[in-house]
């Protein structure tokens, strides 16, 4: 599990198709500290470190992951948000994030608001019951608070620190981001559905 507080940027160094899977080599400041079999969040997607070599690490995404996330859009040179797993003796400064992306959303508006930024996203309506005003959400692995919730839209506000220290800076109108809805909300939603 993760907290949604991004540790470092990674840069996609190379991409290789292997059947229906895709392998990525990522270079980052934390790559040399990673261990084989370690789980690391890449844009909110939990991927297993398979190899570490000279400031880079290798991960593989299976077909299901590629279908459900924005990893299929990755190109060499893009920035990737990285976070290692949380430790149970540490603080949860964001919220509990599993690294299991539920769907993607499209940015439909980005605006500068006196030095901060507001983004509006559109997402599939089947997930509307999982988005609540002032609730937590993970976008590309970043723990954020939702506001201005509509039927299939929501907004997030980004402070300058988050903007410069995550790849939200690359997001523009038309960009796709990974979404993981709040785990507690998903469990409650499921329990209520079963009681009907």
N, C-alpha and C. Protein backbone atom coordinates (compact mmCIF):
# COMPACT_ATOMS: atom_id res chain seq x y z
N UNK A 1 0.84 -1.19 0.00
CA UNK A 1 0.00 0.00 0.00
C UNK A 1 0.88 1.24 0.00
N UNK A 2 0.27 2.35 -0.41
CA UNK A 2 0.98 3.60 -0.57
C UNK A 2 0.20 4.72 0.12
N UNK A 3 0.77 5.93 0.10
CA UNK A 3 0.12 7.06 0.76
C UNK A 3 -0.31 8.15 -0.21
N UNK A 4 0.15 8.08 -1.45
CA UNK A 4 -0.18 9.12 -2.41
C UNK A 4 0.72 10.34 -2.31
N UNK A 5 1.81 10.22 -1.54
CA UNK A 5 2.81 11.28 -1.46
C UNK A 5 3.99 10.86 -2.33
N UNK A 6 4.18 11.56 -3.43
CA UNK A 6 5.17 11.16 -4.43
C UNK A 6 6.58 11.38 -3.90
N UNK A 7 7.42 10.36 -4.06
CA UNK A 7 8.81 10.43 -3.59
C UNK A 7 9.76 11.03 -4.61
N UNK A 8 9.57 10.67 -5.86
CA UNK A 8 10.54 11.06 -6.89
C UNK A 8 9.91 10.96 -8.26
N UNK A 9 10.52 11.65 -9.21
CA UNK A 9 10.20 11.46 -10.61
C UNK A 9 11.01 10.30 -11.15
N UNK A 10 10.41 9.54 -12.05
CA UNK A 10 11.17 8.64 -12.89
C UNK A 10 11.04 9.12 -14.32
N UNK A 11 11.97 8.74 -15.16
CA UNK A 11 11.89 9.05 -16.58
C UNK A 11 11.88 7.72 -17.34
N UNK A 12 10.91 7.57 -18.22
CA UNK A 12 10.85 6.34 -19.02
C UNK A 12 12.06 6.32 -19.95
N UNK A 13 12.93 5.35 -19.74
CA UNK A 13 14.18 5.26 -20.49
C UNK A 13 14.01 4.44 -21.77
N UNK A 14 13.29 3.31 -21.65
CA UNK A 14 13.03 2.49 -22.84
C UNK A 14 11.79 1.64 -22.62
N UNK A 15 11.19 1.22 -23.73
CA UNK A 15 9.94 0.45 -23.72
C UNK A 15 10.11 -0.73 -24.68
N UNK A 16 9.68 -1.90 -24.22
CA UNK A 16 9.80 -3.09 -25.08
C UNK A 16 8.54 -3.95 -24.95
N UNK A 17 7.92 -4.25 -26.08
CA UNK A 17 6.77 -5.16 -26.11
C UNK A 17 7.27 -6.59 -26.02
N UNK A 18 6.59 -7.39 -25.17
CA UNK A 18 6.91 -8.81 -25.04
C UNK A 18 5.59 -9.57 -25.06
N UNK A 19 5.15 -9.96 -26.24
CA UNK A 19 3.84 -10.58 -26.38
C UNK A 19 2.77 -9.55 -26.07
N UNK A 20 1.88 -9.87 -25.12
CA UNK A 20 0.84 -8.91 -24.73
C UNK A 20 1.30 -8.01 -23.58
N UNK A 21 2.49 -8.27 -23.04
CA UNK A 21 3.04 -7.47 -21.95
C UNK A 21 3.94 -6.36 -22.50
N UNK A 22 4.19 -5.36 -21.67
CA UNK A 22 5.13 -4.30 -22.02
C UNK A 22 6.10 -4.10 -20.87
N UNK A 23 7.38 -4.07 -21.19
CA UNK A 23 8.43 -3.85 -20.19
C UNK A 23 8.94 -2.42 -20.30
N UNK A 24 9.12 -1.79 -19.14
CA UNK A 24 9.61 -0.41 -19.08
C UNK A 24 10.89 -0.37 -18.25
N UNK A 25 11.89 0.33 -18.75
CA UNK A 25 13.06 0.69 -17.95
C UNK A 25 12.87 2.14 -17.52
N UNK A 26 12.95 2.38 -16.20
CA UNK A 26 12.74 3.71 -15.63
C UNK A 26 14.02 4.15 -14.95
N UNK A 27 14.49 5.35 -15.27
CA UNK A 27 15.64 5.91 -14.54
C UNK A 27 15.12 6.90 -13.51
N UNK A 28 15.68 6.84 -12.30
CA UNK A 28 15.21 7.73 -11.23
C UNK A 28 16.25 7.83 -10.12
N UNK A 29 16.12 8.84 -9.26
CA UNK A 29 17.04 8.99 -8.13
C UNK A 29 16.95 7.85 -7.12
N UNK A 30 15.82 7.12 -7.10
CA UNK A 30 15.66 6.04 -6.12
C UNK A 30 15.90 4.65 -6.70
N UNK A 31 16.15 4.57 -8.00
CA UNK A 31 16.27 3.25 -8.64
C UNK A 31 17.33 2.37 -7.99
N UNK A 32 18.50 2.94 -7.69
CA UNK A 32 19.58 2.13 -7.11
C UNK A 32 19.26 1.63 -5.71
N UNK A 33 18.28 2.25 -5.04
CA UNK A 33 17.88 1.83 -3.69
C UNK A 33 16.83 0.71 -3.73
N UNK A 34 16.26 0.47 -4.90
CA UNK A 34 15.20 -0.52 -5.01
C UNK A 34 15.76 -1.93 -5.01
N UNK A 35 14.91 -2.86 -4.61
CA UNK A 35 15.30 -4.27 -4.57
C UNK A 35 14.37 -5.07 -5.49
N UNK A 36 14.90 -6.14 -6.04
CA UNK A 36 14.08 -7.02 -6.88
C UNK A 36 12.92 -7.56 -6.04
N UNK A 37 11.74 -7.62 -6.62
CA UNK A 37 10.47 -8.03 -5.99
C UNK A 37 9.81 -6.92 -5.18
N UNK A 38 10.41 -5.74 -5.12
CA UNK A 38 9.81 -4.64 -4.37
C UNK A 38 8.66 -4.05 -5.17
N UNK A 39 7.58 -3.68 -4.47
CA UNK A 39 6.43 -3.04 -5.11
C UNK A 39 6.62 -1.53 -5.09
N UNK A 40 6.46 -0.91 -6.24
CA UNK A 40 6.62 0.54 -6.37
C UNK A 40 5.45 1.08 -7.18
N UNK A 41 4.89 2.19 -6.72
CA UNK A 41 3.81 2.85 -7.46
C UNK A 41 4.42 3.67 -8.59
N UNK A 42 3.94 3.42 -9.80
CA UNK A 42 4.34 4.16 -11.01
C UNK A 42 3.07 4.82 -11.54
N UNK A 43 2.93 6.14 -11.35
CA UNK A 43 1.70 6.84 -11.74
C UNK A 43 0.47 6.19 -11.10
N UNK A 44 0.64 5.69 -9.87
CA UNK A 44 -0.47 5.09 -9.15
C UNK A 44 -0.68 3.62 -9.43
N UNK A 45 0.13 3.03 -10.30
CA UNK A 45 0.03 1.61 -10.64
C UNK A 45 1.11 0.85 -9.88
N UNK A 46 0.70 -0.12 -9.08
CA UNK A 46 1.66 -0.94 -8.34
C UNK A 46 2.32 -1.93 -9.29
N UNK A 47 3.64 -1.77 -9.48
CA UNK A 47 4.40 -2.65 -10.35
C UNK A 47 5.58 -3.23 -9.58
N UNK A 48 5.98 -4.44 -9.93
CA UNK A 48 7.06 -5.15 -9.24
C UNK A 48 8.40 -4.89 -9.92
N UNK A 49 9.39 -4.51 -9.12
CA UNK A 49 10.74 -4.30 -9.64
C UNK A 49 11.34 -5.65 -10.02
N UNK A 50 11.76 -5.78 -11.27
CA UNK A 50 12.31 -7.04 -11.78
C UNK A 50 13.83 -7.03 -11.90
N UNK A 51 14.39 -5.84 -12.09
CA UNK A 51 15.84 -5.72 -12.25
C UNK A 51 16.23 -4.29 -11.93
N UNK A 52 17.43 -4.12 -11.35
CA UNK A 52 17.99 -2.80 -11.06
C UNK A 52 19.37 -2.74 -11.68
N UNK A 53 19.64 -1.66 -12.43
CA UNK A 53 20.92 -1.58 -13.14
C UNK A 53 21.29 -0.12 -13.38
N UNK A 54 22.36 0.35 -12.75
CA UNK A 54 22.97 1.66 -13.03
C UNK A 54 21.95 2.80 -13.05
N UNK A 55 21.23 2.97 -11.96
CA UNK A 55 20.30 4.09 -11.85
C UNK A 55 18.99 3.91 -12.59
N UNK A 56 18.73 2.68 -13.02
CA UNK A 56 17.47 2.37 -13.70
C UNK A 56 16.87 1.11 -13.08
N UNK A 57 15.56 0.96 -13.23
CA UNK A 57 14.92 -0.28 -12.81
C UNK A 57 13.91 -0.70 -13.88
N UNK A 58 13.64 -2.01 -13.91
CA UNK A 58 12.75 -2.57 -14.93
C UNK A 58 11.48 -3.10 -14.29
N UNK A 59 10.35 -2.78 -14.93
CA UNK A 59 9.05 -3.29 -14.50
C UNK A 59 8.29 -3.75 -15.75
N UNK A 60 7.30 -4.62 -15.53
CA UNK A 60 6.48 -5.12 -16.64
C UNK A 60 5.01 -4.92 -16.32
N UNK A 61 4.26 -4.44 -17.31
CA UNK A 61 2.81 -4.29 -17.19
C UNK A 61 2.14 -5.34 -18.07
N UNK A 62 1.18 -6.07 -17.49
CA UNK A 62 0.44 -7.06 -18.26
C UNK A 62 -0.67 -6.37 -19.06
N UNK A 63 -1.30 -7.13 -19.94
CA UNK A 63 -2.31 -6.57 -20.84
C UNK A 63 -3.46 -5.90 -20.07
N UNK A 64 -3.93 -6.53 -18.99
CA UNK A 64 -5.03 -5.96 -18.20
C UNK A 64 -4.66 -4.59 -17.65
N UNK A 65 -3.43 -4.46 -17.16
CA UNK A 65 -2.95 -3.17 -16.63
C UNK A 65 -2.90 -2.13 -17.74
N UNK A 66 -2.42 -2.52 -18.89
CA UNK A 66 -2.32 -1.59 -20.02
C UNK A 66 -3.70 -1.11 -20.47
N UNK A 67 -4.71 -1.98 -20.39
CA UNK A 67 -6.07 -1.61 -20.81
C UNK A 67 -6.72 -0.64 -19.83
N UNK A 68 -6.43 -0.80 -18.54
CA UNK A 68 -7.14 -0.07 -17.50
C UNK A 68 -6.45 1.23 -17.08
N UNK A 69 -5.23 1.45 -17.53
CA UNK A 69 -4.44 2.60 -17.08
C UNK A 69 -3.92 3.40 -18.26
N UNK A 70 -3.17 4.46 -17.94
CA UNK A 70 -2.58 5.25 -19.02
C UNK A 70 -1.18 4.77 -19.41
N UNK A 71 -0.77 3.61 -18.92
CA UNK A 71 0.57 3.11 -19.27
C UNK A 71 0.72 2.84 -20.76
N UNK A 72 -0.38 2.52 -21.43
CA UNK A 72 -0.29 2.25 -22.87
C UNK A 72 0.10 3.50 -23.65
N UNK A 73 -0.03 4.68 -23.02
CA UNK A 73 0.33 5.94 -23.68
C UNK A 73 1.78 6.35 -23.41
N UNK A 74 2.44 5.64 -22.50
CA UNK A 74 3.80 6.06 -22.12
C UNK A 74 4.73 6.05 -23.32
N UNK A 75 5.60 7.05 -23.35
CA UNK A 75 6.63 7.15 -24.37
C UNK A 75 7.97 7.41 -23.69
N UNK A 76 9.04 7.13 -24.37
CA UNK A 76 10.37 7.41 -23.81
C UNK A 76 10.49 8.90 -23.49
N UNK A 77 11.02 9.19 -22.31
CA UNK A 77 11.26 10.58 -21.91
C UNK A 77 10.20 11.20 -21.03
N UNK A 78 9.02 10.56 -20.88
CA UNK A 78 7.99 11.17 -20.03
C UNK A 78 8.33 10.98 -18.55
N UNK A 79 7.78 11.88 -17.73
CA UNK A 79 7.96 11.80 -16.28
C UNK A 79 6.92 10.87 -15.68
N UNK A 80 7.35 10.08 -14.70
CA UNK A 80 6.48 9.13 -14.01
C UNK A 80 6.59 9.40 -12.51
N UNK A 81 5.44 9.47 -11.83
CA UNK A 81 5.43 9.62 -10.37
C UNK A 81 5.79 8.30 -9.71
N UNK A 82 6.74 8.32 -8.78
CA UNK A 82 7.18 7.11 -8.09
C UNK A 82 6.97 7.23 -6.59
N UNK A 83 6.52 6.13 -5.99
CA UNK A 83 6.42 6.04 -4.53
C UNK A 83 6.66 4.60 -4.10
N UNK A 84 7.54 4.43 -3.13
CA UNK A 84 7.74 3.10 -2.54
C UNK A 84 6.62 2.83 -1.54
N UNK A 85 6.43 1.55 -1.20
CA UNK A 85 5.37 1.16 -0.26
C UNK A 85 5.52 1.88 1.07
N UNK A 86 4.38 2.13 1.70
CA UNK A 86 4.37 2.74 3.02
C UNK A 86 4.89 1.75 4.05
N UNK A 87 5.40 2.28 5.17
CA UNK A 87 5.78 1.43 6.30
C UNK A 87 4.79 1.68 7.42
N UNK A 88 4.49 0.65 8.19
CA UNK A 88 3.44 0.78 9.20
C UNK A 88 3.88 1.54 10.44
N UNK A 89 5.15 1.94 10.50
CA UNK A 89 5.59 2.77 11.62
C UNK A 89 5.76 4.23 11.19
N UNK A 90 5.24 4.56 10.01
CA UNK A 90 5.35 5.92 9.49
C UNK A 90 4.00 6.61 9.41
N UNK A 91 4.04 7.89 9.09
CA UNK A 91 2.81 8.67 8.94
C UNK A 91 2.16 8.38 7.59
N UNK A 92 0.84 8.53 7.58
CA UNK A 92 0.11 8.50 6.31
C UNK A 92 -0.26 9.95 6.02
N UNK A 93 0.60 10.64 5.28
CA UNK A 93 0.37 12.06 5.03
C UNK A 93 -0.66 12.31 3.93
N UNK A 94 -0.97 11.29 3.14
CA UNK A 94 -2.00 11.42 2.12
C UNK A 94 -3.22 10.62 2.54
N UNK A 95 -3.50 9.54 1.83
CA UNK A 95 -4.54 8.59 2.23
C UNK A 95 -4.10 7.20 1.75
N UNK A 96 -4.79 6.17 2.18
CA UNK A 96 -4.38 4.82 1.80
C UNK A 96 -4.68 4.58 0.32
N UNK A 97 -3.62 4.29 -0.42
CA UNK A 97 -3.71 4.02 -1.86
C UNK A 97 -3.16 2.61 -2.09
N UNK A 98 -3.92 1.78 -2.79
CA UNK A 98 -3.51 0.39 -3.00
C UNK A 98 -2.60 0.19 -4.21
N UNK A 99 -2.64 1.11 -5.14
CA UNK A 99 -1.90 0.90 -6.38
C UNK A 99 -2.68 0.08 -7.39
N UNK A 100 -4.00 -0.03 -7.15
CA UNK A 100 -4.90 -0.76 -8.05
C UNK A 100 -5.80 0.25 -8.75
N UNK A 101 -5.40 0.67 -9.92
CA UNK A 101 -6.13 1.71 -10.65
C UNK A 101 -7.50 1.21 -11.05
N UNK A 102 -8.52 2.05 -10.81
CA UNK A 102 -9.90 1.68 -11.14
C UNK A 102 -10.27 2.03 -12.57
N UNK A 103 -9.80 3.18 -13.04
CA UNK A 103 -10.14 3.64 -14.38
C UNK A 103 -9.25 4.83 -14.70
N UNK A 104 -9.52 5.46 -15.83
CA UNK A 104 -8.80 6.69 -16.18
C UNK A 104 -9.80 7.83 -16.31
N UNK A 105 -9.28 9.04 -16.25
CA UNK A 105 -10.09 10.24 -16.46
C UNK A 105 -9.37 11.14 -17.45
N UNK A 106 -10.13 12.00 -18.09
CA UNK A 106 -9.57 12.93 -19.07
C UNK A 106 -9.64 14.34 -18.53
N UNK A 107 -8.54 15.08 -18.64
CA UNK A 107 -8.54 16.48 -18.23
C UNK A 107 -9.34 17.30 -19.23
N UNK A 108 -10.35 18.01 -18.74
CA UNK A 108 -11.16 18.84 -19.64
C UNK A 108 -10.94 20.33 -19.40
N UNK A 109 -10.23 20.67 -18.31
CA UNK A 109 -9.89 22.08 -18.08
C UNK A 109 -8.70 22.16 -17.13
N UNK A 110 -7.80 23.08 -17.45
CA UNK A 110 -6.65 23.38 -16.58
C UNK A 110 -6.53 24.89 -16.53
N UNK A 111 -6.53 25.45 -15.32
CA UNK A 111 -6.40 26.91 -15.23
C UNK A 111 -5.50 27.32 -14.08
N UNK A 112 -4.74 28.38 -14.32
CA UNK A 112 -3.87 28.98 -13.32
C UNK A 112 -4.73 29.89 -12.45
N UNK A 113 -4.66 29.69 -11.13
CA UNK A 113 -5.45 30.50 -10.20
C UNK A 113 -4.48 31.18 -9.23
N UNK A 114 -3.95 32.32 -9.65
CA UNK A 114 -3.04 33.10 -8.80
C UNK A 114 -1.89 32.26 -8.26
N UNK A 115 -1.24 31.50 -9.11
CA UNK A 115 -0.06 30.74 -8.69
C UNK A 115 -0.33 29.29 -8.35
N UNK A 116 -1.57 28.93 -8.11
CA UNK A 116 -1.95 27.53 -7.95
C UNK A 116 -2.69 27.11 -9.22
N UNK A 117 -3.11 25.85 -9.27
CA UNK A 117 -3.79 25.37 -10.47
C UNK A 117 -5.04 24.60 -10.10
N UNK A 118 -6.04 24.72 -10.95
CA UNK A 118 -7.25 23.90 -10.83
C UNK A 118 -7.38 23.07 -12.09
N UNK A 119 -7.68 21.80 -11.88
CA UNK A 119 -7.90 20.87 -12.98
C UNK A 119 -9.30 20.31 -12.86
N UNK A 120 -10.00 20.20 -13.99
CA UNK A 120 -11.29 19.50 -14.00
C UNK A 120 -11.12 18.25 -14.87
N UNK A 121 -11.66 17.14 -14.35
CA UNK A 121 -11.54 15.85 -15.04
C UNK A 121 -12.91 15.26 -15.30
N UNK A 122 -13.02 14.51 -16.39
CA UNK A 122 -14.23 13.75 -16.72
C UNK A 122 -13.89 12.27 -16.63
N UNK A 123 -14.80 11.51 -16.03
CA UNK A 123 -14.55 10.08 -15.80
C UNK A 123 -15.81 9.29 -16.13
N UNK A 124 -15.72 7.96 -16.28
CA UNK A 124 -16.90 7.15 -16.62
C UNK A 124 -17.98 7.24 -15.55
N UNK A 125 -19.23 7.46 -15.96
CA UNK A 125 -20.33 7.67 -15.02
C UNK A 125 -20.60 6.47 -14.12
N UNK A 126 -20.17 5.28 -14.53
CA UNK A 126 -20.39 4.10 -13.69
C UNK A 126 -19.70 4.21 -12.33
N UNK A 127 -18.74 5.13 -12.22
CA UNK A 127 -18.01 5.31 -10.96
C UNK A 127 -18.50 6.53 -10.17
N UNK A 128 -19.60 7.14 -10.60
CA UNK A 128 -20.05 8.40 -9.99
C UNK A 128 -20.30 8.28 -8.49
N UNK A 129 -20.77 7.14 -8.02
CA UNK A 129 -21.08 6.99 -6.59
C UNK A 129 -19.83 6.93 -5.73
N UNK A 130 -18.65 6.82 -6.33
CA UNK A 130 -17.40 6.72 -5.58
C UNK A 130 -16.70 8.06 -5.41
N UNK A 131 -17.26 9.12 -6.00
CA UNK A 131 -16.64 10.44 -5.91
C UNK A 131 -17.53 11.34 -5.07
N UNK A 132 -16.97 11.84 -3.96
CA UNK A 132 -17.75 12.71 -3.07
C UNK A 132 -17.01 14.02 -2.84
N UNK A 133 -17.78 15.06 -2.59
CA UNK A 133 -17.21 16.38 -2.29
C UNK A 133 -16.28 16.29 -1.08
N UNK A 134 -15.08 16.83 -1.23
CA UNK A 134 -14.04 16.84 -0.19
C UNK A 134 -13.52 15.44 0.14
N UNK A 135 -13.78 14.47 -0.73
CA UNK A 135 -13.25 13.12 -0.54
C UNK A 135 -11.86 13.00 -1.13
N UNK A 136 -11.19 11.89 -0.80
CA UNK A 136 -9.84 11.63 -1.31
C UNK A 136 -9.91 10.86 -2.63
N UNK A 137 -8.93 11.13 -3.47
CA UNK A 137 -8.79 10.42 -4.73
C UNK A 137 -7.31 10.35 -5.08
N UNK A 138 -6.91 9.34 -5.80
CA UNK A 138 -5.53 9.24 -6.28
C UNK A 138 -5.52 9.47 -7.78
N UNK A 139 -4.77 10.49 -8.21
CA UNK A 139 -4.60 10.79 -9.63
C UNK A 139 -3.13 10.59 -9.98
N UNK A 140 -2.84 9.65 -10.86
CA UNK A 140 -1.45 9.32 -11.19
C UNK A 140 -0.63 9.06 -9.93
N UNK A 141 -1.30 8.50 -8.92
CA UNK A 141 -0.61 8.16 -7.67
C UNK A 141 -0.55 9.28 -6.66
N UNK A 142 -1.07 10.47 -7.00
CA UNK A 142 -1.03 11.63 -6.10
C UNK A 142 -2.30 11.67 -5.27
N UNK A 143 -2.16 11.76 -3.95
CA UNK A 143 -3.32 11.88 -3.06
C UNK A 143 -3.85 13.31 -3.13
N UNK A 144 -5.11 13.45 -3.56
CA UNK A 144 -5.71 14.78 -3.73
C UNK A 144 -7.12 14.80 -3.15
N UNK A 145 -7.62 16.02 -2.93
CA UNK A 145 -8.97 16.22 -2.41
C UNK A 145 -9.86 16.74 -3.54
N UNK A 146 -11.04 16.17 -3.64
CA UNK A 146 -11.98 16.46 -4.73
C UNK A 146 -12.92 17.60 -4.34
N UNK A 147 -13.27 18.45 -5.31
CA UNK A 147 -14.34 19.44 -5.11
C UNK A 147 -15.07 19.64 -6.44
N UNK A 148 -16.16 20.41 -6.39
CA UNK A 148 -17.00 20.67 -7.58
C UNK A 148 -17.38 19.37 -8.30
N UNK A 149 -17.93 18.43 -7.53
CA UNK A 149 -18.30 17.13 -8.10
C UNK A 149 -19.58 17.27 -8.92
N UNK A 150 -19.53 16.79 -10.17
CA UNK A 150 -20.72 16.73 -11.02
C UNK A 150 -21.06 15.28 -11.30
N UNK A 151 -21.94 15.03 -12.24
CA UNK A 151 -22.34 13.66 -12.55
C UNK A 151 -21.19 12.80 -13.02
N UNK A 152 -20.35 13.36 -13.89
CA UNK A 152 -19.19 12.61 -14.39
C UNK A 152 -17.93 13.47 -14.40
N UNK A 153 -17.92 14.50 -13.55
CA UNK A 153 -16.76 15.39 -13.48
C UNK A 153 -16.41 15.71 -12.03
N UNK A 154 -15.18 16.11 -11.83
CA UNK A 154 -14.75 16.62 -10.53
C UNK A 154 -13.54 17.51 -10.77
N UNK A 155 -13.21 18.31 -9.76
CA UNK A 155 -12.05 19.19 -9.84
C UNK A 155 -11.10 18.91 -8.70
N UNK A 156 -9.83 19.25 -8.91
CA UNK A 156 -8.83 19.21 -7.84
C UNK A 156 -8.03 20.50 -7.92
N UNK A 157 -7.56 20.96 -6.77
CA UNK A 157 -6.69 22.14 -6.70
C UNK A 157 -5.27 21.67 -6.40
N UNK A 158 -4.31 22.26 -7.07
CA UNK A 158 -2.91 21.85 -6.95
C UNK A 158 -2.08 23.03 -6.47
N UNK A 159 -1.40 22.85 -5.34
CA UNK A 159 -0.51 23.90 -4.82
C UNK A 159 0.80 23.88 -5.62
N UNK A 160 1.55 24.98 -5.58
CA UNK A 160 2.79 25.04 -6.37
C UNK A 160 3.77 23.90 -6.07
N UNK A 161 3.92 23.49 -4.81
CA UNK A 161 4.86 22.42 -4.48
C UNK A 161 4.47 21.12 -5.19
N UNK A 162 3.20 20.76 -5.10
CA UNK A 162 2.73 19.53 -5.76
C UNK A 162 2.90 19.64 -7.27
N UNK A 163 2.64 20.82 -7.81
CA UNK A 163 2.76 21.02 -9.25
C UNK A 163 4.19 20.78 -9.73
N UNK A 164 5.17 21.28 -8.99
CA UNK A 164 6.56 21.16 -9.44
C UNK A 164 7.20 19.82 -9.06
N UNK A 165 6.62 19.10 -8.08
CA UNK A 165 7.23 17.86 -7.61
C UNK A 165 6.49 16.59 -8.07
N UNK A 166 5.52 16.75 -8.96
CA UNK A 166 4.82 15.59 -9.53
C UNK A 166 4.63 15.82 -11.03
N UNK A 167 4.17 14.78 -11.72
CA UNK A 167 3.97 14.96 -13.16
C UNK A 167 2.62 15.56 -13.51
N UNK A 168 1.91 16.08 -12.51
CA UNK A 168 0.67 16.82 -12.82
C UNK A 168 1.00 18.02 -13.70
N UNK A 169 2.26 18.48 -13.63
CA UNK A 169 2.70 19.60 -14.46
C UNK A 169 2.61 19.28 -15.95
N UNK A 170 2.66 18.00 -16.31
CA UNK A 170 2.57 17.59 -17.72
C UNK A 170 1.13 17.47 -18.20
N UNK A 171 0.18 17.44 -17.26
CA UNK A 171 -1.22 17.22 -17.63
C UNK A 171 -1.79 18.49 -18.26
N UNK A 172 -2.44 18.32 -19.40
CA UNK A 172 -3.10 19.43 -20.08
C UNK A 172 -4.46 18.95 -20.55
N UNK A 173 -5.25 19.84 -21.13
CA UNK A 173 -6.57 19.43 -21.62
C UNK A 173 -6.40 18.31 -22.64
N UNK A 174 -7.14 17.22 -22.43
CA UNK A 174 -7.05 16.04 -23.29
C UNK A 174 -6.17 14.95 -22.73
N UNK A 175 -5.36 15.26 -21.70
CA UNK A 175 -4.49 14.25 -21.09
C UNK A 175 -5.30 13.23 -20.31
N UNK A 176 -4.79 12.01 -20.25
CA UNK A 176 -5.41 10.92 -19.49
C UNK A 176 -4.62 10.69 -18.21
N UNK A 177 -5.33 10.55 -17.08
CA UNK A 177 -4.69 10.25 -15.80
C UNK A 177 -5.30 8.99 -15.21
N UNK A 178 -4.50 8.29 -14.41
CA UNK A 178 -4.99 7.11 -13.70
C UNK A 178 -5.75 7.54 -12.45
N UNK A 179 -6.87 6.87 -12.20
CA UNK A 179 -7.67 7.16 -11.00
C UNK A 179 -7.78 5.91 -10.15
N UNK A 180 -7.54 6.09 -8.86
CA UNK A 180 -7.93 5.08 -7.87
C UNK A 180 -8.83 5.76 -6.86
N UNK A 181 -10.05 5.26 -6.75
CA UNK A 181 -11.00 5.84 -5.80
C UNK A 181 -10.67 5.39 -4.39
N UNK A 182 -11.18 6.13 -3.41
CA UNK A 182 -10.90 5.84 -2.01
C UNK A 182 -11.35 4.43 -1.64
N UNK A 183 -10.45 3.67 -1.03
CA UNK A 183 -10.70 2.26 -0.71
C UNK A 183 -11.89 2.10 0.23
N UNK A 184 -11.99 2.94 1.24
CA UNK A 184 -13.10 2.84 2.20
C UNK A 184 -14.42 3.09 1.49
N UNK A 185 -14.44 4.09 0.62
CA UNK A 185 -15.64 4.38 -0.15
C UNK A 185 -16.05 3.22 -1.03
N UNK A 186 -15.07 2.53 -1.61
CA UNK A 186 -15.39 1.38 -2.47
C UNK A 186 -16.01 0.24 -1.67
N UNK A 187 -15.47 -0.01 -0.47
CA UNK A 187 -16.05 -1.07 0.38
C UNK A 187 -17.47 -0.71 0.81
N UNK A 188 -17.68 0.53 1.21
CA UNK A 188 -19.02 0.96 1.63
C UNK A 188 -20.00 0.86 0.47
N UNK A 189 -19.58 1.29 -0.71
CA UNK A 189 -20.43 1.24 -1.89
C UNK A 189 -20.83 -0.20 -2.21
N UNK A 190 -19.88 -1.11 -2.08
CA UNK A 190 -20.14 -2.54 -2.35
C UNK A 190 -21.12 -3.12 -1.33
N UNK A 191 -20.93 -2.79 -0.05
CA UNK A 191 -21.82 -3.30 1.00
C UNK A 191 -23.25 -2.81 0.80
N UNK A 192 -23.39 -1.53 0.45
CA UNK A 192 -24.72 -0.97 0.22
C UNK A 192 -25.39 -1.62 -0.99
N UNK A 193 -24.61 -1.88 -2.02
CA UNK A 193 -25.16 -2.53 -3.22
C UNK A 193 -25.65 -3.94 -2.92
N UNK A 194 -24.94 -4.65 -2.05
CA UNK A 194 -25.34 -6.02 -1.70
C UNK A 194 -26.58 -6.05 -0.82
N UNK A 195 -26.86 -4.96 -0.11
CA UNK A 195 -28.03 -4.91 0.78
C UNK A 195 -29.31 -4.60 0.03
N UNK A 196 -29.20 -4.14 -1.22
CA UNK A 196 -30.39 -3.79 -1.99
C UNK A 196 -31.14 -5.03 -2.45
